[in-house]
Amino acid sequence: MKTILIPTDFSAAAANAARYGLFLAQHLQADIQLIHAFKVPAEARAAAQTAWPLNDYEQVKRDCVLELDNLRHQLELETIASVSPRNYISRITGTAELGEVTVMTRNLVDHYRSPLVVMGMSGAGNLQRLLIGSSSRELIDKATFPVLLVPDLPVTKQLKKIAFATDLSKGDIQIIHSLASLARPFNAEILIAHITDDKYDTVARQHQVNEFMSGVTDQANYGQIYYRHIKSMDVDHGLDWLSEHGQIDLLAMVHRPHPFFEKIFKGSHTQRLARHIRIPLLVFPPDAHGVCF
């Protein structure tokens, strides 16, 4: 059985991500594992203790487990309220451990062979933060699995159109094949969005597009895939336009080392991302071949 991992810091943003993860899990016939990584309190570190007292550890863990149980109960109530004869009833479990959220998540992905990690774009103040630029960025930088970032705004629980931003790299064809396994249970369209400026040579682009789409047709085996070229001064503004005017429910892209992605996940550009990404953002690692949702 497939298991979707949902890291949480018990913030409202993380709870919103969990609810969206539950929506996906019910359609993908997957179970949910809520995970929380807690740290040694700052005062214990300041005291330079060689070992954290066992009773303190047990108390903190009990508190975290109680929070996980509360969140699990809330999700189970939503499951009961939304269940229909066609819905899969996802089994929801939780685990809390001392450590870093990135390490814990990667270990559990390996353990469960999870196809997807769902987490919030922002977190809760002084708690373990799930924020672009910190835990989310670190997880994405090191992930060998897809990570879905959910904004803390209310997100419509529907998946009718998915946009995949691509530079037409051949490796993206396998990613689209994986993306089709997510779209299929929803009968969702996949819009392949290629964003370039007006200086892009039209003839050369058309040849590249034809070759790329031929590969997609051969490998993806999904009929609802369409191509659109978006002219924009840069990828940033093109994605801004696409997310606001493209009538899409989810934006997917591949995390490759290049200036655009570095702008998004580092420094002051974080706030600009939050402004124009008001829909879930699905980030694939470049080597995510064979992922099946």
Protein backbone atom coordinates (compact mmCIF):
# COMPACT_ATOMS: atom_id res chain seq x y z
CA MET A 1 0.00 0.00 0.00
CA LYS A 2 1.28 3.50 -0.87
CA THR A 3 2.02 5.91 1.97
CA ILE A 4 2.16 9.69 1.65
CA LEU A 5 4.38 11.39 4.23
CA ILE A 6 3.25 14.69 5.75
CA PRO A 7 5.76 16.52 7.99
CA THR A 8 4.01 18.83 10.43
CA ASP A 9 4.96 21.44 13.02
CA PHE A 10 1.31 21.65 14.21
CA SER A 11 0.86 25.12 12.72
CA ALA A 12 -2.27 26.18 10.84
CA ALA A 13 -0.24 26.13 7.60
CA ALA A 14 0.93 22.57 8.24
CA ALA A 15 -2.63 21.47 9.07
CA ASN A 16 -3.78 22.99 5.78
CA ALA A 17 -1.12 20.98 3.96
CA ALA A 18 -2.24 17.83 5.79
CA ARG A 19 -5.83 18.34 4.64
CA TYR A 20 -4.68 18.70 1.04
CA GLY A 21 -2.51 15.63 1.45
CA LEU A 22 -5.56 13.71 2.66
CA PHE A 23 -7.50 14.85 -0.42
CA LEU A 24 -4.75 13.45 -2.66
CA ALA A 25 -4.41 10.25 -0.63
CA GLN A 26 -8.09 9.39 -0.95
CA HIS A 27 -7.93 9.64 -4.75
CA LEU A 28 -4.56 7.90 -5.03
CA GLN A 29 -5.65 5.12 -2.66
CA ALA A 30 -2.78 5.86 -0.33
CA ASP A 31 -2.36 5.94 3.44
CA ILE A 32 -0.92 8.87 5.39
CA GLN A 33 1.98 9.01 7.83
CA LEU A 34 2.15 12.26 9.82
CA ILE A 35 5.67 12.99 11.04
CA HIS A 36 7.09 15.48 13.51
CA ALA A 37 10.75 16.02 14.34
CA PHE A 38 11.44 17.77 17.65
CA LYS A 39 14.67 19.23 18.95
CA VAL A 40 16.50 19.50 22.25
CA PRO A 41 15.24 22.67 24.00
CA ALA A 42 17.51 25.69 23.66
CA GLU A 43 18.11 25.89 27.43
CA ALA A 44 19.41 22.31 27.44
CA ARG A 45 21.86 23.12 24.65
CA ALA A 46 22.96 26.28 26.42
CA ALA A 47 23.73 24.27 29.55
CA ALA A 48 26.11 22.15 27.45
CA GLN A 49 24.60 18.94 28.74
CA THR A 50 26.20 15.83 27.39
CA ALA A 51 22.86 14.04 27.44
CA TRP A 52 19.28 15.28 27.49
CA PRO A 53 17.53 13.95 30.63
CA LEU A 54 15.39 10.95 29.82
CA ASN A 55 12.35 12.28 31.66
CA ASP A 56 12.48 15.55 29.68
CA TYR A 57 12.74 13.62 26.42
CA GLU A 58 9.79 11.40 27.31
CA GLN A 59 7.62 14.38 28.29
CA VAL A 60 8.37 16.28 25.08
CA LYS A 61 7.70 13.18 23.02
CA ARG A 62 4.39 12.56 24.83
CA ASP A 63 3.35 16.14 24.08
CA CYS A 64 4.24 15.72 20.41
CA VAL A 65 2.40 12.41 20.15
CA LEU A 66 -0.66 14.04 21.70
CA GLU A 67 -0.51 16.81 19.07
CA LEU A 68 -0.19 14.20 16.34
CA ASP A 69 -3.20 12.33 17.71
CA ASN A 70 -5.24 15.54 17.69
CA LEU A 71 -4.31 16.24 14.07
CA ARG A 72 -5.00 12.65 13.09
CA HIS A 73 -8.41 12.83 14.75
CA GLN A 74 -9.26 16.05 12.88
CA LEU A 75 -8.31 14.45 9.57
CA GLU A 76 -10.31 11.32 10.34
CA LEU A 77 -13.39 13.46 11.04
CA GLU A 78 -12.92 15.17 7.67
CA THR A 79 -12.58 11.76 6.05
CA ILE A 80 -15.89 10.65 7.52
CA ALA A 81 -17.58 13.87 6.39
CA SER A 82 -16.33 13.59 2.80
CA VAL A 83 -16.47 9.83 2.29
CA SER A 84 -18.42 8.47 -0.65
CA PRO A 85 -18.75 4.95 -2.07
CA ARG A 86 -15.93 5.73 -4.50
CA ASN A 87 -13.51 7.16 -1.94
CA TYR A 88 -10.67 5.17 -0.48
CA ILE A 89 -10.56 5.54 3.31
CA SER A 90 -6.95 6.44 4.04
CA ARG A 91 -5.36 4.98 7.16
CA ILE A 92 -3.74 7.83 9.12
CA THR A 93 -0.86 7.23 11.51
CA GLY A 94 1.77 9.45 13.11
CA THR A 95 5.27 9.34 14.53
CA ALA A 96 7.40 11.85 16.48
CA GLU A 97 11.16 11.56 16.91
CA LEU A 98 14.07 13.63 18.15
CA GLY A 99 16.10 15.01 15.26
CA GLU A 100 15.97 17.01 12.04
CA VAL A 101 12.85 16.98 9.87
CA THR A 102 14.91 16.51 6.70
CA VAL A 103 16.75 13.45 7.98
CA MET A 104 13.62 11.93 9.48
CA THR A 105 11.64 12.46 6.28
CA ARG A 106 14.31 10.95 4.05
CA ASN A 107 14.62 7.90 6.29
CA LEU A 108 10.86 7.33 6.31
CA VAL A 109 10.64 7.78 2.54
CA ASP A 110 13.12 4.93 2.22
CA HIS A 111 11.26 2.84 4.81
CA TYR A 112 7.80 3.24 3.27
CA ARG A 113 9.00 3.75 -0.31
CA SER A 114 6.75 6.77 -0.30
CA PRO A 115 5.95 8.33 -3.68
CA LEU A 116 5.29 11.79 -2.24
CA VAL A 117 5.99 14.15 0.66
CA VAL A 118 3.44 16.91 1.34
CA MET A 119 4.37 19.89 3.49
CA GLY A 120 3.41 23.51 4.13
CA MET A 121 5.11 26.48 2.53
CA SER A 122 5.32 28.24 5.89
CA GLY A 123 5.41 27.19 9.51
CA ALA A 124 4.88 28.24 13.09
CA GLY A 125 7.11 30.91 14.55
CA ASN A 126 9.64 29.40 16.94
CA LEU A 127 8.73 25.77 16.30
CA GLN A 128 10.48 23.60 13.74
CA ARG A 129 9.74 25.68 10.66
CA LEU A 130 8.50 24.38 7.33
CA LEU A 131 9.44 27.49 5.40
CA ILE A 132 10.93 28.03 1.96
CA GLY A 133 14.51 29.01 2.71
CA SER A 134 14.83 26.62 5.67
CA SER A 135 13.46 23.09 6.09
CA SER A 136 11.57 23.01 2.79
CA ARG A 137 14.55 24.23 0.82
CA GLU A 138 16.90 21.82 2.56
CA LEU A 139 14.56 18.90 1.93
CA ILE A 140 14.12 19.81 -1.74
CA ASP A 141 17.87 20.26 -2.23
CA LYS A 142 18.54 16.76 -0.89
CA ALA A 143 15.37 14.95 -1.96
CA THR A 144 15.34 11.99 -4.32
CA PHE A 145 11.53 12.03 -4.25
CA PRO A 146 8.79 14.53 -5.19
CA VAL A 147 7.87 17.18 -2.61
CA LEU A 148 4.52 18.99 -2.74
CA LEU A 149 4.51 22.43 -1.12
CA VAL A 150 1.04 23.65 -0.12
CA PRO A 151 0.42 27.38 0.50
CA ASP A 152 -1.13 28.39 3.79
CA LEU A 153 -4.07 29.92 1.92
CA PRO A 154 -7.24 27.85 1.58
CA VAL A 155 -6.66 25.56 -1.41
CA THR A 156 -9.52 24.29 -3.55
CA LYS A 157 -9.59 20.51 -3.29
CA GLN A 158 -9.82 19.74 -6.97
CA LEU A 159 -7.31 18.68 -9.58
CA LYS A 160 -8.61 19.42 -13.06
CA LYS A 161 -5.50 20.90 -14.64
CA ILE A 162 -1.81 20.45 -13.79
CA ALA A 163 0.82 22.69 -15.37
CA PHE A 164 4.34 21.37 -15.82
CA ALA A 165 7.00 24.03 -16.41
CA THR A 166 9.75 22.67 -18.66
CA ASP A 167 12.74 23.83 -20.66
CA LEU A 168 12.17 20.84 -22.97
CA SER A 169 15.02 18.82 -21.48
CA LYS A 170 14.72 15.19 -22.54
CA GLY A 171 14.85 14.09 -18.90
CA ASP A 172 11.54 15.87 -18.35
CA ILE A 173 9.75 13.29 -20.50
CA GLN A 174 10.14 10.66 -17.79
CA ILE A 175 8.93 13.19 -15.23
CA ILE A 176 5.78 13.79 -17.29
CA HIS A 177 5.26 10.03 -17.41
CA SER A 178 5.32 10.05 -13.58
CA LEU A 179 3.06 13.10 -13.49
CA ALA A 180 0.51 11.25 -15.62
CA SER A 181 0.11 8.71 -12.80
CA LEU A 182 -0.96 11.59 -10.54
CA ALA A 183 -3.31 13.09 -13.13
CA ARG A 184 -5.01 9.84 -14.14
CA PRO A 185 -7.16 9.22 -10.99
CA PHE A 186 -8.49 12.79 -11.34
CA ASN A 187 -8.83 12.67 -15.14
CA ALA A 188 -6.85 15.91 -15.04
CA GLU A 189 -5.28 17.71 -17.97
CA ILE A 190 -1.51 18.18 -18.04
CA LEU A 191 -0.42 21.47 -19.59
CA ILE A 192 3.22 21.46 -20.66
CA ALA A 193 4.30 25.08 -20.30
CA HIS A 194 7.46 26.24 -22.05
CA ILE A 195 8.34 29.81 -21.05
CA THR A 196 10.77 31.83 -23.17
CA ASP A 197 11.30 35.44 -24.17
CA ASP A 198 10.40 36.89 -27.57
CA LYS A 199 13.95 36.39 -28.86
CA TYR A 200 13.55 32.62 -28.96
CA ASP A 201 13.91 31.35 -32.56
CA THR A 202 10.46 30.10 -33.63
CA VAL A 203 11.63 27.55 -36.23
CA ALA A 204 14.20 25.99 -33.93
CA ARG A 205 11.69 25.98 -31.09
CA GLN A 206 9.05 24.20 -33.16
CA HIS A 207 11.48 21.44 -34.11
CA GLN A 208 12.49 21.02 -30.46
CA VAL A 209 8.84 21.03 -29.36
CA ASN A 210 7.84 18.42 -31.95
CA GLU A 211 10.66 16.12 -30.88
CA PHE A 212 9.84 16.61 -27.20
CA MET A 213 6.10 16.03 -27.60
CA SER A 214 6.73 12.95 -29.71
CA GLY A 215 8.73 11.51 -26.82
CA VAL A 216 5.96 12.43 -24.39
CA THR A 217 3.35 10.68 -26.54
CA ASP A 218 5.48 7.54 -26.77
CA GLN A 219 6.24 7.27 -23.05
CA ALA A 220 3.49 8.95 -21.03
CA ASN A 221 0.55 6.97 -22.48
CA TYR A 222 -1.94 9.60 -21.32
CA GLY A 223 -4.28 11.34 -23.71
CA GLN A 224 -4.84 14.62 -21.89
CA ILE A 225 -1.46 16.27 -22.35
CA TYR A 226 -1.19 19.61 -24.13
CA TYR A 227 1.61 22.01 -25.01
CA ARG A 228 1.67 25.77 -24.67
CA HIS A 229 4.43 28.24 -25.36
CA ILE A 230 4.33 31.26 -23.03
CA LYS A 231 6.24 34.37 -24.07
CA SER A 232 7.58 36.31 -21.11
CA MET A 233 10.55 38.47 -20.21
CA ASP A 234 11.76 35.66 -17.93
CA VAL A 235 10.61 32.42 -16.34
CA ASP A 236 9.67 34.16 -13.11
CA HIS A 237 7.13 36.45 -14.76
CA GLY A 238 5.91 33.63 -16.99
CA LEU A 239 5.10 31.44 -14.00
CA ASP A 240 3.46 34.41 -12.33
CA TRP A 241 1.16 34.81 -15.32
CA LEU A 242 0.52 31.07 -15.62
CA SER A 243 -0.44 30.60 -11.97
CA GLU A 244 -2.82 33.57 -12.04
CA HIS A 245 -4.37 33.23 -15.51
CA GLY A 246 -3.79 29.64 -16.58
CA GLN A 247 -6.72 28.23 -14.56
CA ILE A 248 -4.47 25.54 -13.11
CA ASP A 249 -4.84 23.72 -9.81
CA LEU A 250 -1.23 22.62 -9.35
CA LEU A 251 2.14 23.69 -10.75
CA ALA A 252 4.89 21.09 -11.19
CA MET A 253 8.54 21.63 -12.00
CA VAL A 254 11.92 19.94 -11.75
CA HIS A 255 14.51 21.16 -9.25
CA ARG A 256 17.70 21.58 -11.24
CA PRO A 257 20.66 23.75 -10.29
CA HIS A 258 20.05 26.90 -12.29
CA PRO A 259 19.63 30.61 -11.49
CA PHE A 260 15.83 30.63 -11.57
CA PHE A 261 15.35 27.95 -8.93
CA GLU A 262 18.07 29.50 -6.79
CA LYS A 263 16.19 32.82 -6.95
CA ILE A 264 13.00 31.14 -5.78
CA PHE A 265 14.39 29.19 -2.85
CA LYS A 266 17.03 31.62 -1.58
CA GLY A 267 17.10 35.12 -0.23
CA SER A 268 14.56 37.89 -0.79
CA HIS A 269 12.83 36.16 -3.71
CA THR A 270 10.92 34.01 -1.21
CA GLN A 271 8.25 36.69 -0.75
CA ARG A 272 7.80 37.03 -4.52
CA LEU A 273 7.24 33.28 -4.77
CA ALA A 274 4.62 33.44 -2.03
CA ARG A 275 2.86 36.20 -3.96
CA HIS A 276 2.48 34.40 -7.26
CA ILE A 277 2.31 30.78 -6.12
CA ARG A 278 -1.14 30.58 -4.58
CA ILE A 279 -1.57 26.98 -5.64
CA PRO A 280 0.30 23.81 -4.59
CA LEU A 281 3.81 23.52 -6.05
CA LEU A 282 5.05 20.01 -6.86
CA VAL A 283 8.84 19.79 -7.05
CA PHE A 284 10.52 16.80 -8.68
CA PRO A 285 14.20 15.91 -8.26
CA PRO A 286 15.94 15.68 -11.63
CA ASP A 287 16.37 11.91 -11.31
CA ALA A 288 12.79 11.07 -10.28
CA HIS A 289 12.43 8.40 -12.95
CA GLY A 290 9.99 5.63 -12.24
CA VAL A 291 7.96 7.51 -9.60
CA CYS A 292 4.37 6.29 -9.59
CA PHE A 293 1.76 8.07 -7.50
